[in-house]
Amino acid sequence: MRSASLVTVAIAVAVSATPAPGEFRQVRSERDYMERVAGRTVVTAGAALRIGRDWTFAGTLADGTPVTGAWTWSGPWYCFNVVKDGDRSRTYCHEIWVDGSRMIVVPERGRGTPERATLR
């Protein structure tokens, strides 16, 4: 009985971390990302990043700090490096879900805490 309840809890956690299929659709390829996200601005928590079709991005963080960077596609993930104050970050890879002008970003290759964003 105990193992059955643990399985139920594990399934509930997994389902709650994934956006509802009717609302958001996972971006699974570079082509899909180019069609649905590239050329637009991603806005979240005061930050705004313009995603270029040339595999670059530029914008400002919530504190006003300017950033630039480069993005690529790897498997089912959007991966990128940030350049801030002349320093280049490590490569980050995120799972991306989009519904029109709404976006959910799941850091750490889909294992992190989902964050909502707006596409303009």
PDB file of N, CA and C in Angstrom:
ATOM      1  N   MET A   1       0.813  -1.182   0.000  1.00  0.00           N
ATOM      2  CA  MET A   1       0.000   0.000   0.000  1.00  0.00           C
ATOM      3  C   MET A   1       0.864   1.255   0.000  1.00  0.00           C
ATOM      4  N   ARG A   2       1.921   1.245   0.805  1.00  0.00           N
ATOM      5  CA  ARG A   2       2.792   2.409   0.892  1.00  0.00           C
ATOM      6  C   ARG A   2       3.449   2.706  -0.456  1.00  0.00           C
ATOM      7  N   SER A   3       3.932   1.672  -1.154  1.00  0.00           N
ATOM      8  CA  SER A   3       4.579   1.897  -2.447  1.00  0.00           C
ATOM      9  C   SER A   3       3.581   2.419  -3.473  1.00  0.00           C
ATOM     10  N   ALA A   4       2.327   2.007  -3.393  1.00  0.00           N
ATOM     11  CA  ALA A   4       1.304   2.516  -4.315  1.00  0.00           C
ATOM     12  C   ALA A   4       1.075   3.999  -4.088  1.00  0.00           C
ATOM     13  N   SER A   5       1.074   4.453  -2.820  1.00  0.00           N
ATOM     14  CA  SER A   5       0.863   5.875  -2.556  1.00  0.00           C
ATOM     15  C   SER A   5       2.074   6.695  -2.987  1.00  0.00           C
ATOM     16  N   LEU A   6       3.277   6.150  -2.863  1.00  0.00           N
ATOM     17  CA  LEU A   6       4.468   6.855  -3.338  1.00  0.00           C
ATOM     18  C   LEU A   6       4.446   7.009  -4.850  1.00  0.00           C
ATOM     19  N   VAL A   7       3.996   5.987  -5.550  1.00  0.00           N
ATOM     20  CA  VAL A   7       3.879   6.064  -7.006  1.00  0.00           C
ATOM     21  C   VAL A   7       2.862   7.134  -7.382  1.00  0.00           C
ATOM     22  N   THR A   8       1.737   7.184  -6.676  1.00  0.00           N
ATOM     23  CA  THR A   8       0.712   8.197  -6.946  1.00  0.00           C
ATOM     24  C   THR A   8       1.267   9.596  -6.749  1.00  0.00           C
ATOM     25  N   VAL A   9       2.014   9.819  -5.669  1.00  0.00           N
ATOM     26  CA  VAL A   9       2.626  11.122  -5.415  1.00  0.00           C
ATOM     27  C   VAL A   9       3.627  11.459  -6.514  1.00  0.00           C
ATOM     28  N   ALA A  10       4.451  10.517  -6.914  1.00  0.00           N
ATOM     29  CA  ALA A  10       5.442  10.762  -7.971  1.00  0.00           C
ATOM     30  C   ALA A  10       4.766  11.129  -9.280  1.00  0.00           C
ATOM     31  N   ILE A  11       3.689  10.450  -9.619  1.00  0.00           N
ATOM     32  CA  ILE A  11       2.961  10.766 -10.854  1.00  0.00           C
ATOM     33  C   ILE A  11       2.333  12.148 -10.755  1.00  0.00           C
ATOM     34  N   ALA A  12       1.749  12.489  -9.618  1.00  0.00           N
ATOM     35  CA  ALA A  12       1.127  13.804  -9.443  1.00  0.00           C
ATOM     36  C   ALA A  12       2.149  14.918  -9.584  1.00  0.00           C
ATOM     37  N   VAL A  13       3.332  14.738  -9.016  1.00  0.00           N
ATOM     38  CA  VAL A  13       4.391  15.741  -9.136  1.00  0.00           C
ATOM     39  C   VAL A  13       4.829  15.876 -10.582  1.00  0.00           C
ATOM     40  N   ALA A  14       5.031  14.784 -11.278  1.00  0.00           N
ATOM     41  CA  ALA A  14       5.460  14.834 -12.680  1.00  0.00           C
ATOM     42  C   ALA A  14       4.421  15.514 -13.550  1.00  0.00           C
ATOM     43  N   VAL A  15       3.158  15.214 -13.331  1.00  0.00           N
ATOM     44  CA  VAL A  15       2.094  15.817 -14.139  1.00  0.00           C
ATOM     45  C   VAL A  15       1.966  17.300 -13.843  1.00  0.00           C
ATOM     46  N   SER A  16       2.082  17.710 -12.581  1.00  0.00           N
ATOM     47  CA  SER A  16       1.917  19.122 -12.242  1.00  0.00           C
ATOM     48  C   SER A  16       3.063  19.971 -12.767  1.00  0.00           C
ATOM     49  N   ALA A  17       4.226  19.398 -13.006  1.00  0.00           N
ATOM     50  CA  ALA A  17       5.368  20.157 -13.515  1.00  0.00           C
ATOM     51  C   ALA A  17       5.293  20.379 -15.018  1.00  0.00           C
ATOM     52  N   THR A  18       4.441  19.636 -15.701  1.00  0.00           N
ATOM     53  CA  THR A  18       4.332  19.738 -17.150  1.00  0.00           C
ATOM     54  C   THR A  18       3.096  20.546 -17.511  1.00  0.00           C
ATOM     55  N   PRO A  19       3.225  21.536 -18.418  1.00  0.00           N
ATOM     56  CA  PRO A  19       2.060  22.319 -18.816  1.00  0.00           C
ATOM     57  C   PRO A  19       0.975  21.434 -19.419  1.00  0.00           C
ATOM     58  N   ALA A  20      -0.262  21.862 -19.271  1.00  0.00           N
ATOM     59  CA  ALA A  20      -1.390  21.110 -19.833  1.00  0.00           C
ATOM     60  C   ALA A  20      -1.267  21.040 -21.347  1.00  0.00           C
ATOM     61  N   PRO A  21      -1.452  19.857 -21.938  1.00  0.00           N
ATOM     62  CA  PRO A  21      -1.272  19.677 -23.376  1.00  0.00           C
ATOM     63  C   PRO A  21      -2.160  20.572 -24.226  1.00  0.00           C
ATOM     64  N   GLY A  22      -3.374  20.887 -23.761  1.00  0.00           N
ATOM     65  CA  GLY A  22      -4.279  21.714 -24.539  1.00  0.00           C
ATOM     66  C   GLY A  22      -3.877  23.169 -24.586  1.00  0.00           C
ATOM     67  N   GLU A  23      -3.052  23.605 -23.653  1.00  0.00           N
ATOM     68  CA  GLU A  23      -2.670  25.004 -23.566  1.00  0.00           C
ATOM     69  C   GLU A  23      -1.318  25.275 -24.220  1.00  0.00           C
ATOM     70  N   PHE A  24      -0.317  24.567 -23.824  1.00  0.00           N
ATOM     71  CA  PHE A  24       1.040  24.799 -24.308  1.00  0.00           C
ATOM     72  C   PHE A  24       1.520  23.606 -25.121  1.00  0.00           C
ATOM     73  N   ARG A  25       2.385  23.884 -26.091  1.00  0.00           N
ATOM     74  CA  ARG A  25       2.995  22.819 -26.879  1.00  0.00           C
ATOM     75  C   ARG A  25       4.511  22.955 -26.753  1.00  0.00           C
ATOM     76  N   GLN A  26       5.169  21.853 -26.475  1.00  0.00           N
ATOM     77  CA  GLN A  26       6.617  21.891 -26.325  1.00  0.00           C
ATOM     78  C   GLN A  26       7.280  22.169 -27.663  1.00  0.00           C
ATOM     79  N   VAL A  27       8.264  23.058 -27.632  1.00  0.00           N
ATOM     80  CA  VAL A  27       9.086  23.334 -28.806  1.00  0.00           C
ATOM     81  C   VAL A  27      10.145  22.241 -28.832  1.00  0.00           C
ATOM     82  N   ARG A  28      10.155  21.429 -29.888  1.00  0.00           N
ATOM     83  CA  ARG A  28      11.022  20.248 -29.915  1.00  0.00           C
ATOM     84  C   ARG A  28      12.126  20.297 -30.960  1.00  0.00           C
ATOM     85  N   SER A  29      12.168  21.363 -31.770  1.00  0.00           N
ATOM     86  CA  SER A  29      13.191  21.412 -32.817  1.00  0.00           C
ATOM     87  C   SER A  29      13.609  22.855 -33.079  1.00  0.00           C
ATOM     88  N   GLU A  30      14.769  22.994 -33.686  1.00  0.00           N
ATOM     89  CA  GLU A  30      15.252  24.324 -34.055  1.00  0.00           C
ATOM     90  C   GLU A  30      14.271  24.994 -35.018  1.00  0.00           C
ATOM     91  N   ARG A  31      13.748  24.234 -35.950  1.00  0.00           N
ATOM     92  CA  ARG A  31      12.799  24.791 -36.920  1.00  0.00           C
ATOM     93  C   ARG A  31      11.556  25.340 -36.208  1.00  0.00           C
ATOM     94  N   ASP A  32      11.032  24.577 -35.272  1.00  0.00           N
ATOM     95  CA  ASP A  32       9.873  25.010 -34.496  1.00  0.00           C
ATOM     96  C   ASP A  32      10.204  26.267 -33.693  1.00  0.00           C
ATOM     97  N   TYR A  33      11.399  26.309 -33.089  1.00  0.00           N
ATOM     98  CA  TYR A  33      11.831  27.477 -32.317  1.00  0.00           C
ATOM     99  C   TYR A  33      11.940  28.696 -33.227  1.00  0.00           C
ATOM    100  N   MET A  34      12.513  28.505 -34.418  1.00  0.00           N
ATOM    101  CA  MET A  34      12.636  29.609 -35.375  1.00  0.00           C
ATOM    102  C   MET A  34      11.260  30.165 -35.742  1.00  0.00           C
ATOM    103  N   GLU A  35      10.287  29.284 -35.920  1.00  0.00           N
ATOM    104  CA  GLU A  35       8.943  29.711 -36.319  1.00  0.00           C
ATOM    105  C   GLU A  35       8.166  30.368 -35.181  1.00  0.00           C
ATOM    106  N   ARG A  36       8.349  29.896 -33.955  1.00  0.00           N
ATOM    107  CA  ARG A  36       7.491  30.334 -32.857  1.00  0.00           C
ATOM    108  C   ARG A  36       8.114  31.339 -31.904  1.00  0.00           C
ATOM    109  N   VAL A  37       9.463  31.390 -31.848  1.00  0.00           N
ATOM    110  CA  VAL A  37      10.111  32.253 -30.858  1.00  0.00           C
ATOM    111  C   VAL A  37      11.089  33.245 -31.487  1.00  0.00           C
ATOM    112  N   ALA A  38      11.964  32.788 -32.372  1.00  0.00           N
ATOM    113  CA  ALA A  38      12.990  33.670 -32.954  1.00  0.00           C
ATOM    114  C   ALA A  38      12.327  34.858 -33.644  1.00  0.00           C
ATOM    115  N   GLY A  39      12.966  36.011 -33.507  1.00  0.00           N
ATOM    116  CA  GLY A  39      12.422  37.239 -34.064  1.00  0.00           C
ATOM    117  C   GLY A  39      11.495  37.967 -33.103  1.00  0.00           C
ATOM    118  N   ARG A  40      11.304  37.406 -31.919  1.00  0.00           N
ATOM    119  CA  ARG A  40      10.424  38.006 -30.918  1.00  0.00           C
ATOM    120  C   ARG A  40      11.226  38.357 -29.670  1.00  0.00           C
ATOM    121  N   THR A  41      10.580  39.073 -28.757  1.00  0.00           N
ATOM    122  CA  THR A  41      11.203  39.437 -27.490  1.00  0.00           C
ATOM    123  C   THR A  41      10.573  38.618 -26.372  1.00  0.00           C
ATOM    124  N   VAL A  42      11.423  37.992 -25.567  1.00  0.00           N
ATOM    125  CA  VAL A  42      10.977  37.225 -24.405  1.00  0.00           C
ATOM    126  C   VAL A  42      11.057  38.147 -23.189  1.00  0.00           C
ATOM    127  N   VAL A  43       9.939  38.300 -22.490  1.00  0.00           N
ATOM    128  CA  VAL A  43       9.882  39.177 -21.320  1.00  0.00           C
ATOM    129  C   VAL A  43       9.504  38.341 -20.105  1.00  0.00           C
ATOM    130  N   THR A  44      10.335  38.421 -19.062  1.00  0.00           N
ATOM    131  CA  THR A  44      10.061  37.702 -17.822  1.00  0.00           C
ATOM    132  C   THR A  44      10.682  38.440 -16.648  1.00  0.00           C
ATOM    133  N   ALA A  45       9.934  38.598 -15.573  1.00  0.00           N
ATOM    134  CA  ALA A  45      10.420  39.194 -14.323  1.00  0.00           C
ATOM    135  C   ALA A  45      11.220  40.477 -14.554  1.00  0.00           C
ATOM    136  N   GLY A  46      10.768  41.318 -15.455  1.00  0.00           N
ATOM    137  CA  GLY A  46      11.433  42.589 -15.702  1.00  0.00           C
ATOM    138  C   GLY A  46      12.548  42.534 -16.721  1.00  0.00           C
ATOM    139  N   ALA A  47      12.992  41.355 -17.096  1.00  0.00           N
ATOM    140  CA  ALA A  47      14.040  41.217 -18.112  1.00  0.00           C
ATOM    141  C   ALA A  47      13.390  41.127 -19.489  1.00  0.00           C
ATOM    142  N   ALA A  48      14.111  41.585 -20.497  1.00  0.00           N
ATOM    143  CA  ALA A  48      13.613  41.504 -21.875  1.00  0.00           C
ATOM    144  C   ALA A  48      14.765  41.128 -22.792  1.00  0.00           C
ATOM    145  N   LEU A  49      14.596  40.045 -23.554  1.00  0.00           N
ATOM    146  CA  LEU A  49      15.632  39.576 -24.475  1.00  0.00           C
ATOM    147  C   LEU A  49      15.044  39.420 -25.868  1.00  0.00           C
ATOM    148  N   ARG A  50      15.653  40.081 -26.841  1.00  0.00           N
ATOM    149  CA  ARG A  50      15.252  39.943 -28.243  1.00  0.00           C
ATOM    150  C   ARG A  50      15.993  38.737 -28.805  1.00  0.00           C
ATOM    151  N   ILE A  51      15.248  37.727 -29.266  1.00  0.00           N
ATOM    152  CA  ILE A  51      15.835  36.496 -29.789  1.00  0.00           C
ATOM    153  C   ILE A  51      15.994  36.633 -31.295  1.00  0.00           C
ATOM    154  N   GLY A  52      17.231  36.650 -31.764  1.00  0.00           N
ATOM    155  CA  GLY A  52      17.497  36.832 -33.186  1.00  0.00           C
ATOM    156  C   GLY A  52      17.379  35.549 -33.987  1.00  0.00           C
ATOM    157  N   ARG A  53      17.052  35.711 -35.251  1.00  0.00           N
ATOM    158  CA  ARG A  53      17.004  34.563 -36.163  1.00  0.00           C
ATOM    159  C   ARG A  53      18.417  34.140 -36.589  1.00  0.00           C
ATOM    160  N   ASP A  54      19.406  34.929 -36.183  1.00  0.00           N
ATOM    161  CA  ASP A  54      20.806  34.642 -36.512  1.00  0.00           C
ATOM    162  C   ASP A  54      21.529  33.940 -35.355  1.00  0.00           C
ATOM    163  N   TRP A  55      20.778  33.299 -34.474  1.00  0.00           N
ATOM    164  CA  TRP A  55      21.308  32.534 -33.334  1.00  0.00           C
ATOM    165  C   TRP A  55      21.980  33.416 -32.288  1.00  0.00           C
ATOM    166  N   THR A  56      21.532  34.665 -32.184  1.00  0.00           N
ATOM    167  CA  THR A  56      22.017  35.570 -31.146  1.00  0.00           C
ATOM    168  C   THR A  56      20.823  36.100 -30.363  1.00  0.00           C
ATOM    169  N   PHE A  57      21.113  36.732 -29.229  1.00  0.00           N
ATOM    170  CA  PHE A  57      20.076  37.463 -28.501  1.00  0.00           C
ATOM    171  C   PHE A  57      20.724  38.638 -27.796  1.00  0.00           C
ATOM    172  N   ALA A  58      19.917  39.633 -27.463  1.00  0.00           N
ATOM    173  CA  ALA A  58      20.401  40.817 -26.760  1.00  0.00           C
ATOM    174  C   ALA A  58      19.245  41.412 -25.977  1.00  0.00           C
ATOM    175  N   GLY A  59      19.579  42.023 -24.851  1.00  0.00           N
ATOM    176  CA  GLY A  59      18.538  42.659 -24.059  1.00  0.00           C
ATOM    177  C   GLY A  59      19.076  43.140 -22.734  1.00  0.00           C
ATOM    178  N   THR A  60      18.161  43.290 -21.777  1.00  0.00           N
ATOM    179  CA  THR A  60      18.541  43.757 -20.454  1.00  0.00           C
ATOM    180  C   THR A  60      17.949  42.840 -19.389  1.00  0.00           C
ATOM    181  N   LEU A  61      18.696  42.695 -18.305  1.00  0.00           N
ATOM    182  CA  LEU A  61      18.216  41.931 -17.157  1.00  0.00           C
ATOM    183  C   LEU A  61      17.313  42.826 -16.313  1.00  0.00           C
ATOM    184  N   ALA A  62      16.682  42.273 -15.308  1.00  0.00           N
ATOM    185  CA  ALA A  62      15.759  43.026 -14.461  1.00  0.00           C
ATOM    186  C   ALA A  62      16.425  44.229 -13.801  1.00  0.00           C
ATOM    187  N   ASP A  63      17.721  44.133 -13.516  1.00  0.00           N
ATOM    188  CA  ASP A  63      18.433  45.248 -12.882  1.00  0.00           C
ATOM    189  C   ASP A  63      18.956  46.263 -13.895  1.00  0.00           C
ATOM    190  N   GLY A  64      18.623  46.083 -15.179  1.00  0.00           N
ATOM    191  CA  GLY A  64      19.048  47.015 -16.222  1.00  0.00           C
ATOM    192  C   GLY A  64      20.376  46.673 -16.873  1.00  0.00           C
ATOM    193  N   THR A  65      21.046  45.637 -16.409  1.00  0.00           N
ATOM    194  CA  THR A  65      22.327  45.230 -16.978  1.00  0.00           C
ATOM    195  C   THR A  65      22.130  44.699 -18.395  1.00  0.00           C
ATOM    196  N   PRO A  66      22.874  45.258 -19.366  1.00  0.00           N
ATOM    197  CA  PRO A  66      22.757  44.743 -20.732  1.00  0.00           C
ATOM    198  C   PRO A  66      23.448  43.387 -20.869  1.00  0.00           C
ATOM    199  N   VAL A  67      22.847  42.511 -21.665  1.00  0.00           N
ATOM    200  CA  VAL A  67      23.430  41.199 -21.945  1.00  0.00           C
ATOM    201  C   VAL A  67      23.290  40.890 -23.427  1.00  0.00           C
ATOM    202  N   THR A  68      24.199  40.069 -23.898  1.00  0.00           N
ATOM    203  CA  THR A  68      24.122  39.530 -25.253  1.00  0.00           C
ATOM    204  C   THR A  68      24.426  38.050 -25.136  1.00  0.00           C
ATOM    205  N   GLY A  69      24.270  37.344 -26.221  1.00  0.00           N
ATOM    206  CA  GLY A  69      24.600  35.935 -26.179  1.00  0.00           C
ATOM    207  C   GLY A  69      24.309  35.245 -27.485  1.00  0.00           C
ATOM    208  N   ALA A  70      24.551  33.952 -27.476  1.00  0.00           N
ATOM    209  CA  ALA A  70      24.309  33.123 -28.653  1.00  0.00           C
ATOM    210  C   ALA A  70      23.499  31.915 -28.220  1.00  0.00           C
ATOM    211  N   TRP A  71      22.599  31.474 -29.100  1.00  0.00           N
ATOM    212  CA  TRP A  71      21.791  30.301 -28.802  1.00  0.00           C
ATOM    213  C   TRP A  71      21.967  29.258 -29.886  1.00  0.00           C
ATOM    214  N   THR A  72      21.647  28.032 -29.529  1.00  0.00           N
ATOM    215  CA  THR A  72      21.684  26.917 -30.467  1.00  0.00           C
ATOM    216  C   THR A  72      20.608  25.925 -30.049  1.00  0.00           C
ATOM    217  N   TRP A  73      20.398  24.925 -30.852  1.00  0.00           N
ATOM    218  CA  TRP A  73      19.431  23.887 -30.518  1.00  0.00           C
ATOM    219  C   TRP A  73      20.183  22.582 -30.343  1.00  0.00           C
ATOM    220  N   SER A  74      19.873  21.829 -29.281  1.00  0.00           N
ATOM    221  CA  SER A  74      20.540  20.559 -29.010  1.00  0.00           C
ATOM    222  C   SER A  74      19.498  19.543 -28.558  1.00  0.00           C
ATOM    223  N   GLY A  75      19.199  18.574 -29.425  1.00  0.00           N
ATOM    224  CA  GLY A  75      18.153  17.603 -29.092  1.00  0.00           C
ATOM    225  C   GLY A  75      16.834  18.321 -28.916  1.00  0.00           C
ATOM    226  N   PRO A  76      16.159  18.134 -27.778  1.00  0.00           N
ATOM    227  CA  PRO A  76      14.897  18.834 -27.543  1.00  0.00           C
ATOM    228  C   PRO A  76      15.064  20.149 -26.772  1.00  0.00           C
ATOM    229  N   TRP A  77      16.313  20.640 -26.641  1.00  0.00           N
ATOM    230  CA  TRP A  77      16.565  21.790 -25.783  1.00  0.00           C
ATOM    231  C   TRP A  77      17.101  23.010 -26.515  1.00  0.00           C
ATOM    232  N   TYR A  78      16.681  24.166 -25.996  1.00  0.00           N
ATOM    233  CA  TYR A  78      17.201  25.471 -26.381  1.00  0.00           C
ATOM    234  C   TYR A  78      18.409  25.705 -25.480  1.00  0.00           C
ATOM    235  N   CYS A  79      19.582  25.879 -26.066  1.00  0.00           N
ATOM    236  CA  CYS A  79      20.805  26.071 -25.290  1.00  0.00           C
ATOM    237  C   CYS A  79      21.408  27.432 -25.617  1.00  0.00           C
ATOM    238  N   PHE A  80      22.078  28.037 -24.641  1.00  0.00           N
ATOM    239  CA  PHE A  80      22.617  29.377 -24.858  1.00  0.00           C
ATOM    240  C   PHE A  80      23.766  29.681 -23.904  1.00  0.00           C
ATOM    241  N   ASN A  81      24.544  30.700 -24.283  1.00  0.00           N
ATOM    242  CA  ASN A  81      25.581  31.294 -23.448  1.00  0.00           C
ATOM    243  C   ASN A  81      25.247  32.773 -23.320  1.00  0.00           C
ATOM    244  N   VAL A  82      25.467  33.336 -22.158  1.00  0.00           N
ATOM    245  CA  VAL A  82      25.219  34.751 -21.914  1.00  0.00           C
ATOM    246  C   VAL A  82      26.555  35.465 -21.783  1.00  0.00           C
ATOM    247  N   VAL A  83      26.651  36.666 -22.382  1.00  0.00           N
ATOM    248  CA  VAL A  83      27.817  37.522 -22.179  1.00  0.00           C
ATOM    249  C   VAL A  83      27.335  38.734 -21.389  1.00  0.00           C
ATOM    250  N   LYS A  84      27.871  38.874 -20.167  1.00  0.00           N
ATOM    251  CA  LYS A  84      27.493  39.965 -19.271  1.00  0.00           C
ATOM    252  C   LYS A  84      28.773  40.586 -18.742  1.00  0.00           C
ATOM    253  N   ASP A  85      28.905  41.892 -18.891  1.00  0.00           N
ATOM    254  CA  ASP A  85      30.115  42.600 -18.460  1.00  0.00           C
ATOM    255  C   ASP A  85      31.374  41.985 -19.063  1.00  0.00           C
ATOM    256  N   GLY A  86      31.274  41.497 -20.301  1.00  0.00           N
ATOM    257  CA  GLY A  86      32.413  40.935 -21.008  1.00  0.00           C
ATOM    258  C   GLY A  86      32.735  39.491 -20.672  1.00  0.00           C
ATOM    259  N   ASP A  87      32.030  38.918 -19.712  1.00  0.00           N
ATOM    260  CA  ASP A  87      32.279  37.530 -19.314  1.00  0.00           C
ATOM    261  C   ASP A  87      31.227  36.608 -19.916  1.00  0.00           C
ATOM    262  N   ARG A  88      31.680  35.491 -20.472  1.00  0.00           N
ATOM    263  CA  ARG A  88      30.781  34.508 -21.081  1.00  0.00           C
ATOM    264  C   ARG A  88      30.440  33.430 -20.061  1.00  0.00           C
ATOM    265  N   SER A  89      29.163  33.100 -19.973  1.00  0.00           N
ATOM    266  CA  SER A  89      28.694  32.089 -19.021  1.00  0.00           C
ATOM    267  C   SER A  89      28.923  30.685 -19.560  1.00  0.00           C
ATOM    268  N   ARG A  90      28.638  29.724 -18.708  1.00  0.00           N
ATOM    269  CA  ARG A  90      28.600  28.334 -19.160  1.00  0.00           C
ATOM    270  C   ARG A  90      27.391  28.182 -20.077  1.00  0.00           C
ATOM    271  N   THR A  91      27.248  27.032 -20.701  1.00  0.00           N
ATOM    272  CA  THR A  91      26.091  26.764 -21.553  1.00  0.00           C
ATOM    273  C   THR A  91      24.924  26.285 -20.696  1.00  0.00           C
ATOM    274  N   TYR A  92      23.787  26.917 -20.885  1.00  0.00           N
ATOM    275  CA  TYR A  92      22.543  26.534 -20.220  1.00  0.00           C
ATOM    276  C   TYR A  92      21.626  25.909 -21.263  1.00  0.00           C
ATOM    277  N   CYS A  93      20.864  24.901 -20.893  1.00  0.00           N
ATOM    278  CA  CYS A  93      19.896  24.286 -21.807  1.00  0.00           C
ATOM    279  C   CYS A  93      18.540  24.204 -21.115  1.00  0.00           C
ATOM    280  N   HIS A  94      17.503  24.669 -21.817  1.00  0.00           N
ATOM    281  CA  HIS A  94      16.151  24.729 -21.262  1.00  0.00           C
ATOM    282  C   HIS A  94      15.156  24.011 -22.159  1.00  0.00           C
ATOM    283  N   GLU A  95      14.108  23.529 -21.548  1.00  0.00           N
ATOM    284  CA  GLU A  95      12.953  23.006 -22.273  1.00  0.00           C
ATOM    285  C   GLU A  95      12.004  24.200 -22.467  1.00  0.00           C
ATOM    286  N   ILE A  96      11.428  24.334 -23.656  1.00  0.00           N
ATOM    287  CA  ILE A  96      10.577  25.478 -23.984  1.00  0.00           C
ATOM    288  C   ILE A  96       9.175  25.003 -24.360  1.00  0.00           C
ATOM    289  N   TRP A  97       8.167  25.668 -23.809  1.00  0.00           N
ATOM    290  CA  TRP A  97       6.758  25.414 -24.128  1.00  0.00           C
ATOM    291  C   TRP A  97       6.143  26.743 -24.556  1.00  0.00           C
ATOM    292  N   VAL A  98       5.338  26.755 -25.618  1.00  0.00           N
ATOM    293  CA  VAL A  98       4.750  27.995 -26.124  1.00  0.00           C
ATOM    294  C   VAL A  98       3.265  27.793 -26.411  1.00  0.00           C
ATOM    295  N   ASP A  99       2.500  28.833 -26.096  1.00  0.00           N
ATOM    296  CA  ASP A  99       1.088  28.913 -26.457  1.00  0.00           C
ATOM    297  C   ASP A  99       0.842  30.348 -26.909  1.00  0.00           C
ATOM    298  N   GLY A 100       0.968  30.607 -28.210  1.00  0.00           N
ATOM    299  CA  GLY A 100       0.777  31.961 -28.737  1.00  0.00           C
ATOM    300  C   GLY A 100       1.817  32.914 -28.187  1.00  0.00           C
ATOM    301  N   SER A 101       1.381  33.864 -27.346  1.00  0.00           N
ATOM    302  CA  SER A 101       2.312  34.835 -26.774  1.00  0.00           C
ATOM    303  C   SER A 101       2.729  34.462 -25.356  1.00  0.00           C
ATOM    304  N   ARG A 102       2.358  33.271 -24.915  1.00  0.00           N
ATOM    305  CA  ARG A 102       2.766  32.806 -23.589  1.00  0.00           C
ATOM    306  C   ARG A 102       3.841  31.739 -23.735  1.00  0.00           C
ATOM    307  N   MET A 103       4.763  31.748 -22.791  1.00  0.00           N
ATOM    308  CA  MET A 103       5.894  30.823 -22.864  1.00  0.00           C
ATOM    309  C   MET A 103       6.194  30.292 -21.468  1.00  0.00           C
ATOM    310  N   ILE A 104       6.584  29.031 -21.397  1.00  0.00           N
ATOM    311  CA  ILE A 104       7.087  28.447 -20.156  1.00  0.00           C
ATOM    312  C   ILE A 104       8.483  27.921 -20.454  1.00  0.00           C
ATOM    313  N   VAL A 105       9.430  28.338 -19.611  1.00  0.00           N
ATOM    314  CA  VAL A 105      10.820  27.916 -19.734  1.00  0.00           C
ATOM    315  C   VAL A 105      11.115  27.005 -18.549  1.00  0.00           C
ATOM    316  N   VAL A 106      11.611  25.807 -18.836  1.00  0.00           N
ATOM    317  CA  VAL A 106      11.960  24.871 -17.761  1.00  0.00           C
ATOM    318  C   VAL A 106      13.476  24.679 -17.812  1.00  0.00           C
ATOM    319  N   PRO A 107      14.209  25.325 -16.888  1.00  0.00           N
ATOM    320  CA  PRO A 107      15.671  25.246 -16.880  1.00  0.00           C
ATOM    321  C   PRO A 107      16.193  23.832 -16.634  1.00  0.00           C
ATOM    322  N   GLU A 108      17.509  23.714 -16.734  1.00  0.00           N
ATOM    323  CA  GLU A 108      18.218  22.468 -16.412  1.00  0.00           C
ATOM    324  C   GLU A 108      17.684  21.277 -17.197  1.00  0.00           C
ATOM    325  N   ARG A 109      17.575  21.482 -18.509  1.00  0.00           N
ATOM    326  CA  ARG A 109      17.121  20.416 -19.412  1.00  0.00           C
ATOM    327  C   ARG A 109      15.785  19.819 -18.972  1.00  0.00           C
ATOM    328  N   GLY A 110      14.887  20.713 -18.537  1.00  0.00           N
ATOM    329  CA  GLY A 110      13.552  20.286 -18.158  1.00  0.00           C
ATOM    330  C   GLY A 110      13.413  19.795 -16.736  1.00  0.00           C
ATOM    331  N   ARG A 111      14.483  19.890 -15.929  1.00  0.00           N
ATOM    332  CA  ARG A 111      14.429  19.393 -14.550  1.00  0.00           C
ATOM    333  C   ARG A 111      14.270  20.507 -13.519  1.00  0.00           C
ATOM    334  N   GLY A 112      14.390  21.770 -13.953  1.00  0.00           N
ATOM    335  CA  GLY A 112      14.306  22.898 -13.022  1.00  0.00           C
ATOM    336  C   GLY A 112      12.878  23.362 -12.781  1.00  0.00           C
ATOM    337  N   THR A 113      12.759  24.468 -12.080  1.00  0.00           N
ATOM    338  CA  THR A 113      11.458  25.053 -11.777  1.00  0.00           C
ATOM    339  C   THR A 113      10.954  25.841 -12.977  1.00  0.00           C
ATOM    340  N   PRO A 114       9.763  25.526 -13.489  1.00  0.00           N
ATOM    341  CA  PRO A 114       9.226  26.238 -14.653  1.00  0.00           C
ATOM    342  C   PRO A 114       9.038  27.727 -14.367  1.00  0.00           C
ATOM    343  N   GLU A 115       9.342  28.550 -15.364  1.00  0.00           N
ATOM    344  CA  GLU A 115       9.177  29.999 -15.264  1.00  0.00           C
ATOM    345  C   GLU A 115       8.316  30.463 -16.431  1.00  0.00           C
ATOM    346  N   ARG A 116       7.378  31.344 -16.147  1.00  0.00           N
ATOM    347  CA  ARG A 116       6.506  31.881 -17.195  1.00  0.00           C
ATOM    348  C   ARG A 116       7.129  33.120 -17.812  1.00  0.00           C
ATOM    349  N   ALA A 117       6.860  33.311 -19.101  1.00  0.00           N
ATOM    350  CA  ALA A 117       7.348  34.479 -19.830  1.00  0.00           C
ATOM    351  C   ALA A 117       6.292  34.878 -20.850  1.00  0.00           C
ATOM    352  N   THR A 118       6.470  36.065 -21.413  1.00  0.00           N
ATOM    353  CA  THR A 118       5.592  36.565 -22.463  1.00  0.00           C
ATOM    354  C   THR A 118       6.418  36.774 -23.715  1.00  0.00           C
ATOM    355  N   LEU A 119       5.841  36.450 -24.858  1.00  0.00           N
ATOM    356  CA  LEU A 119       6.495  36.692 -26.148  1.00  0.00           C
ATOM    357  C   LEU A 119       5.845  37.908 -26.790  1.00  0.00           C
ATOM    358  N   ARG A 120       6.668  38.846 -27.217  1.00  0.00           N
ATOM    359  CA  ARG A 120       6.154  40.039 -27.904  1.00  0.00           C
ATOM    360  C   ARG A 120       6.758  40.126 -29.275  1.00  0.00           C
TER     361      ARG A 120
END
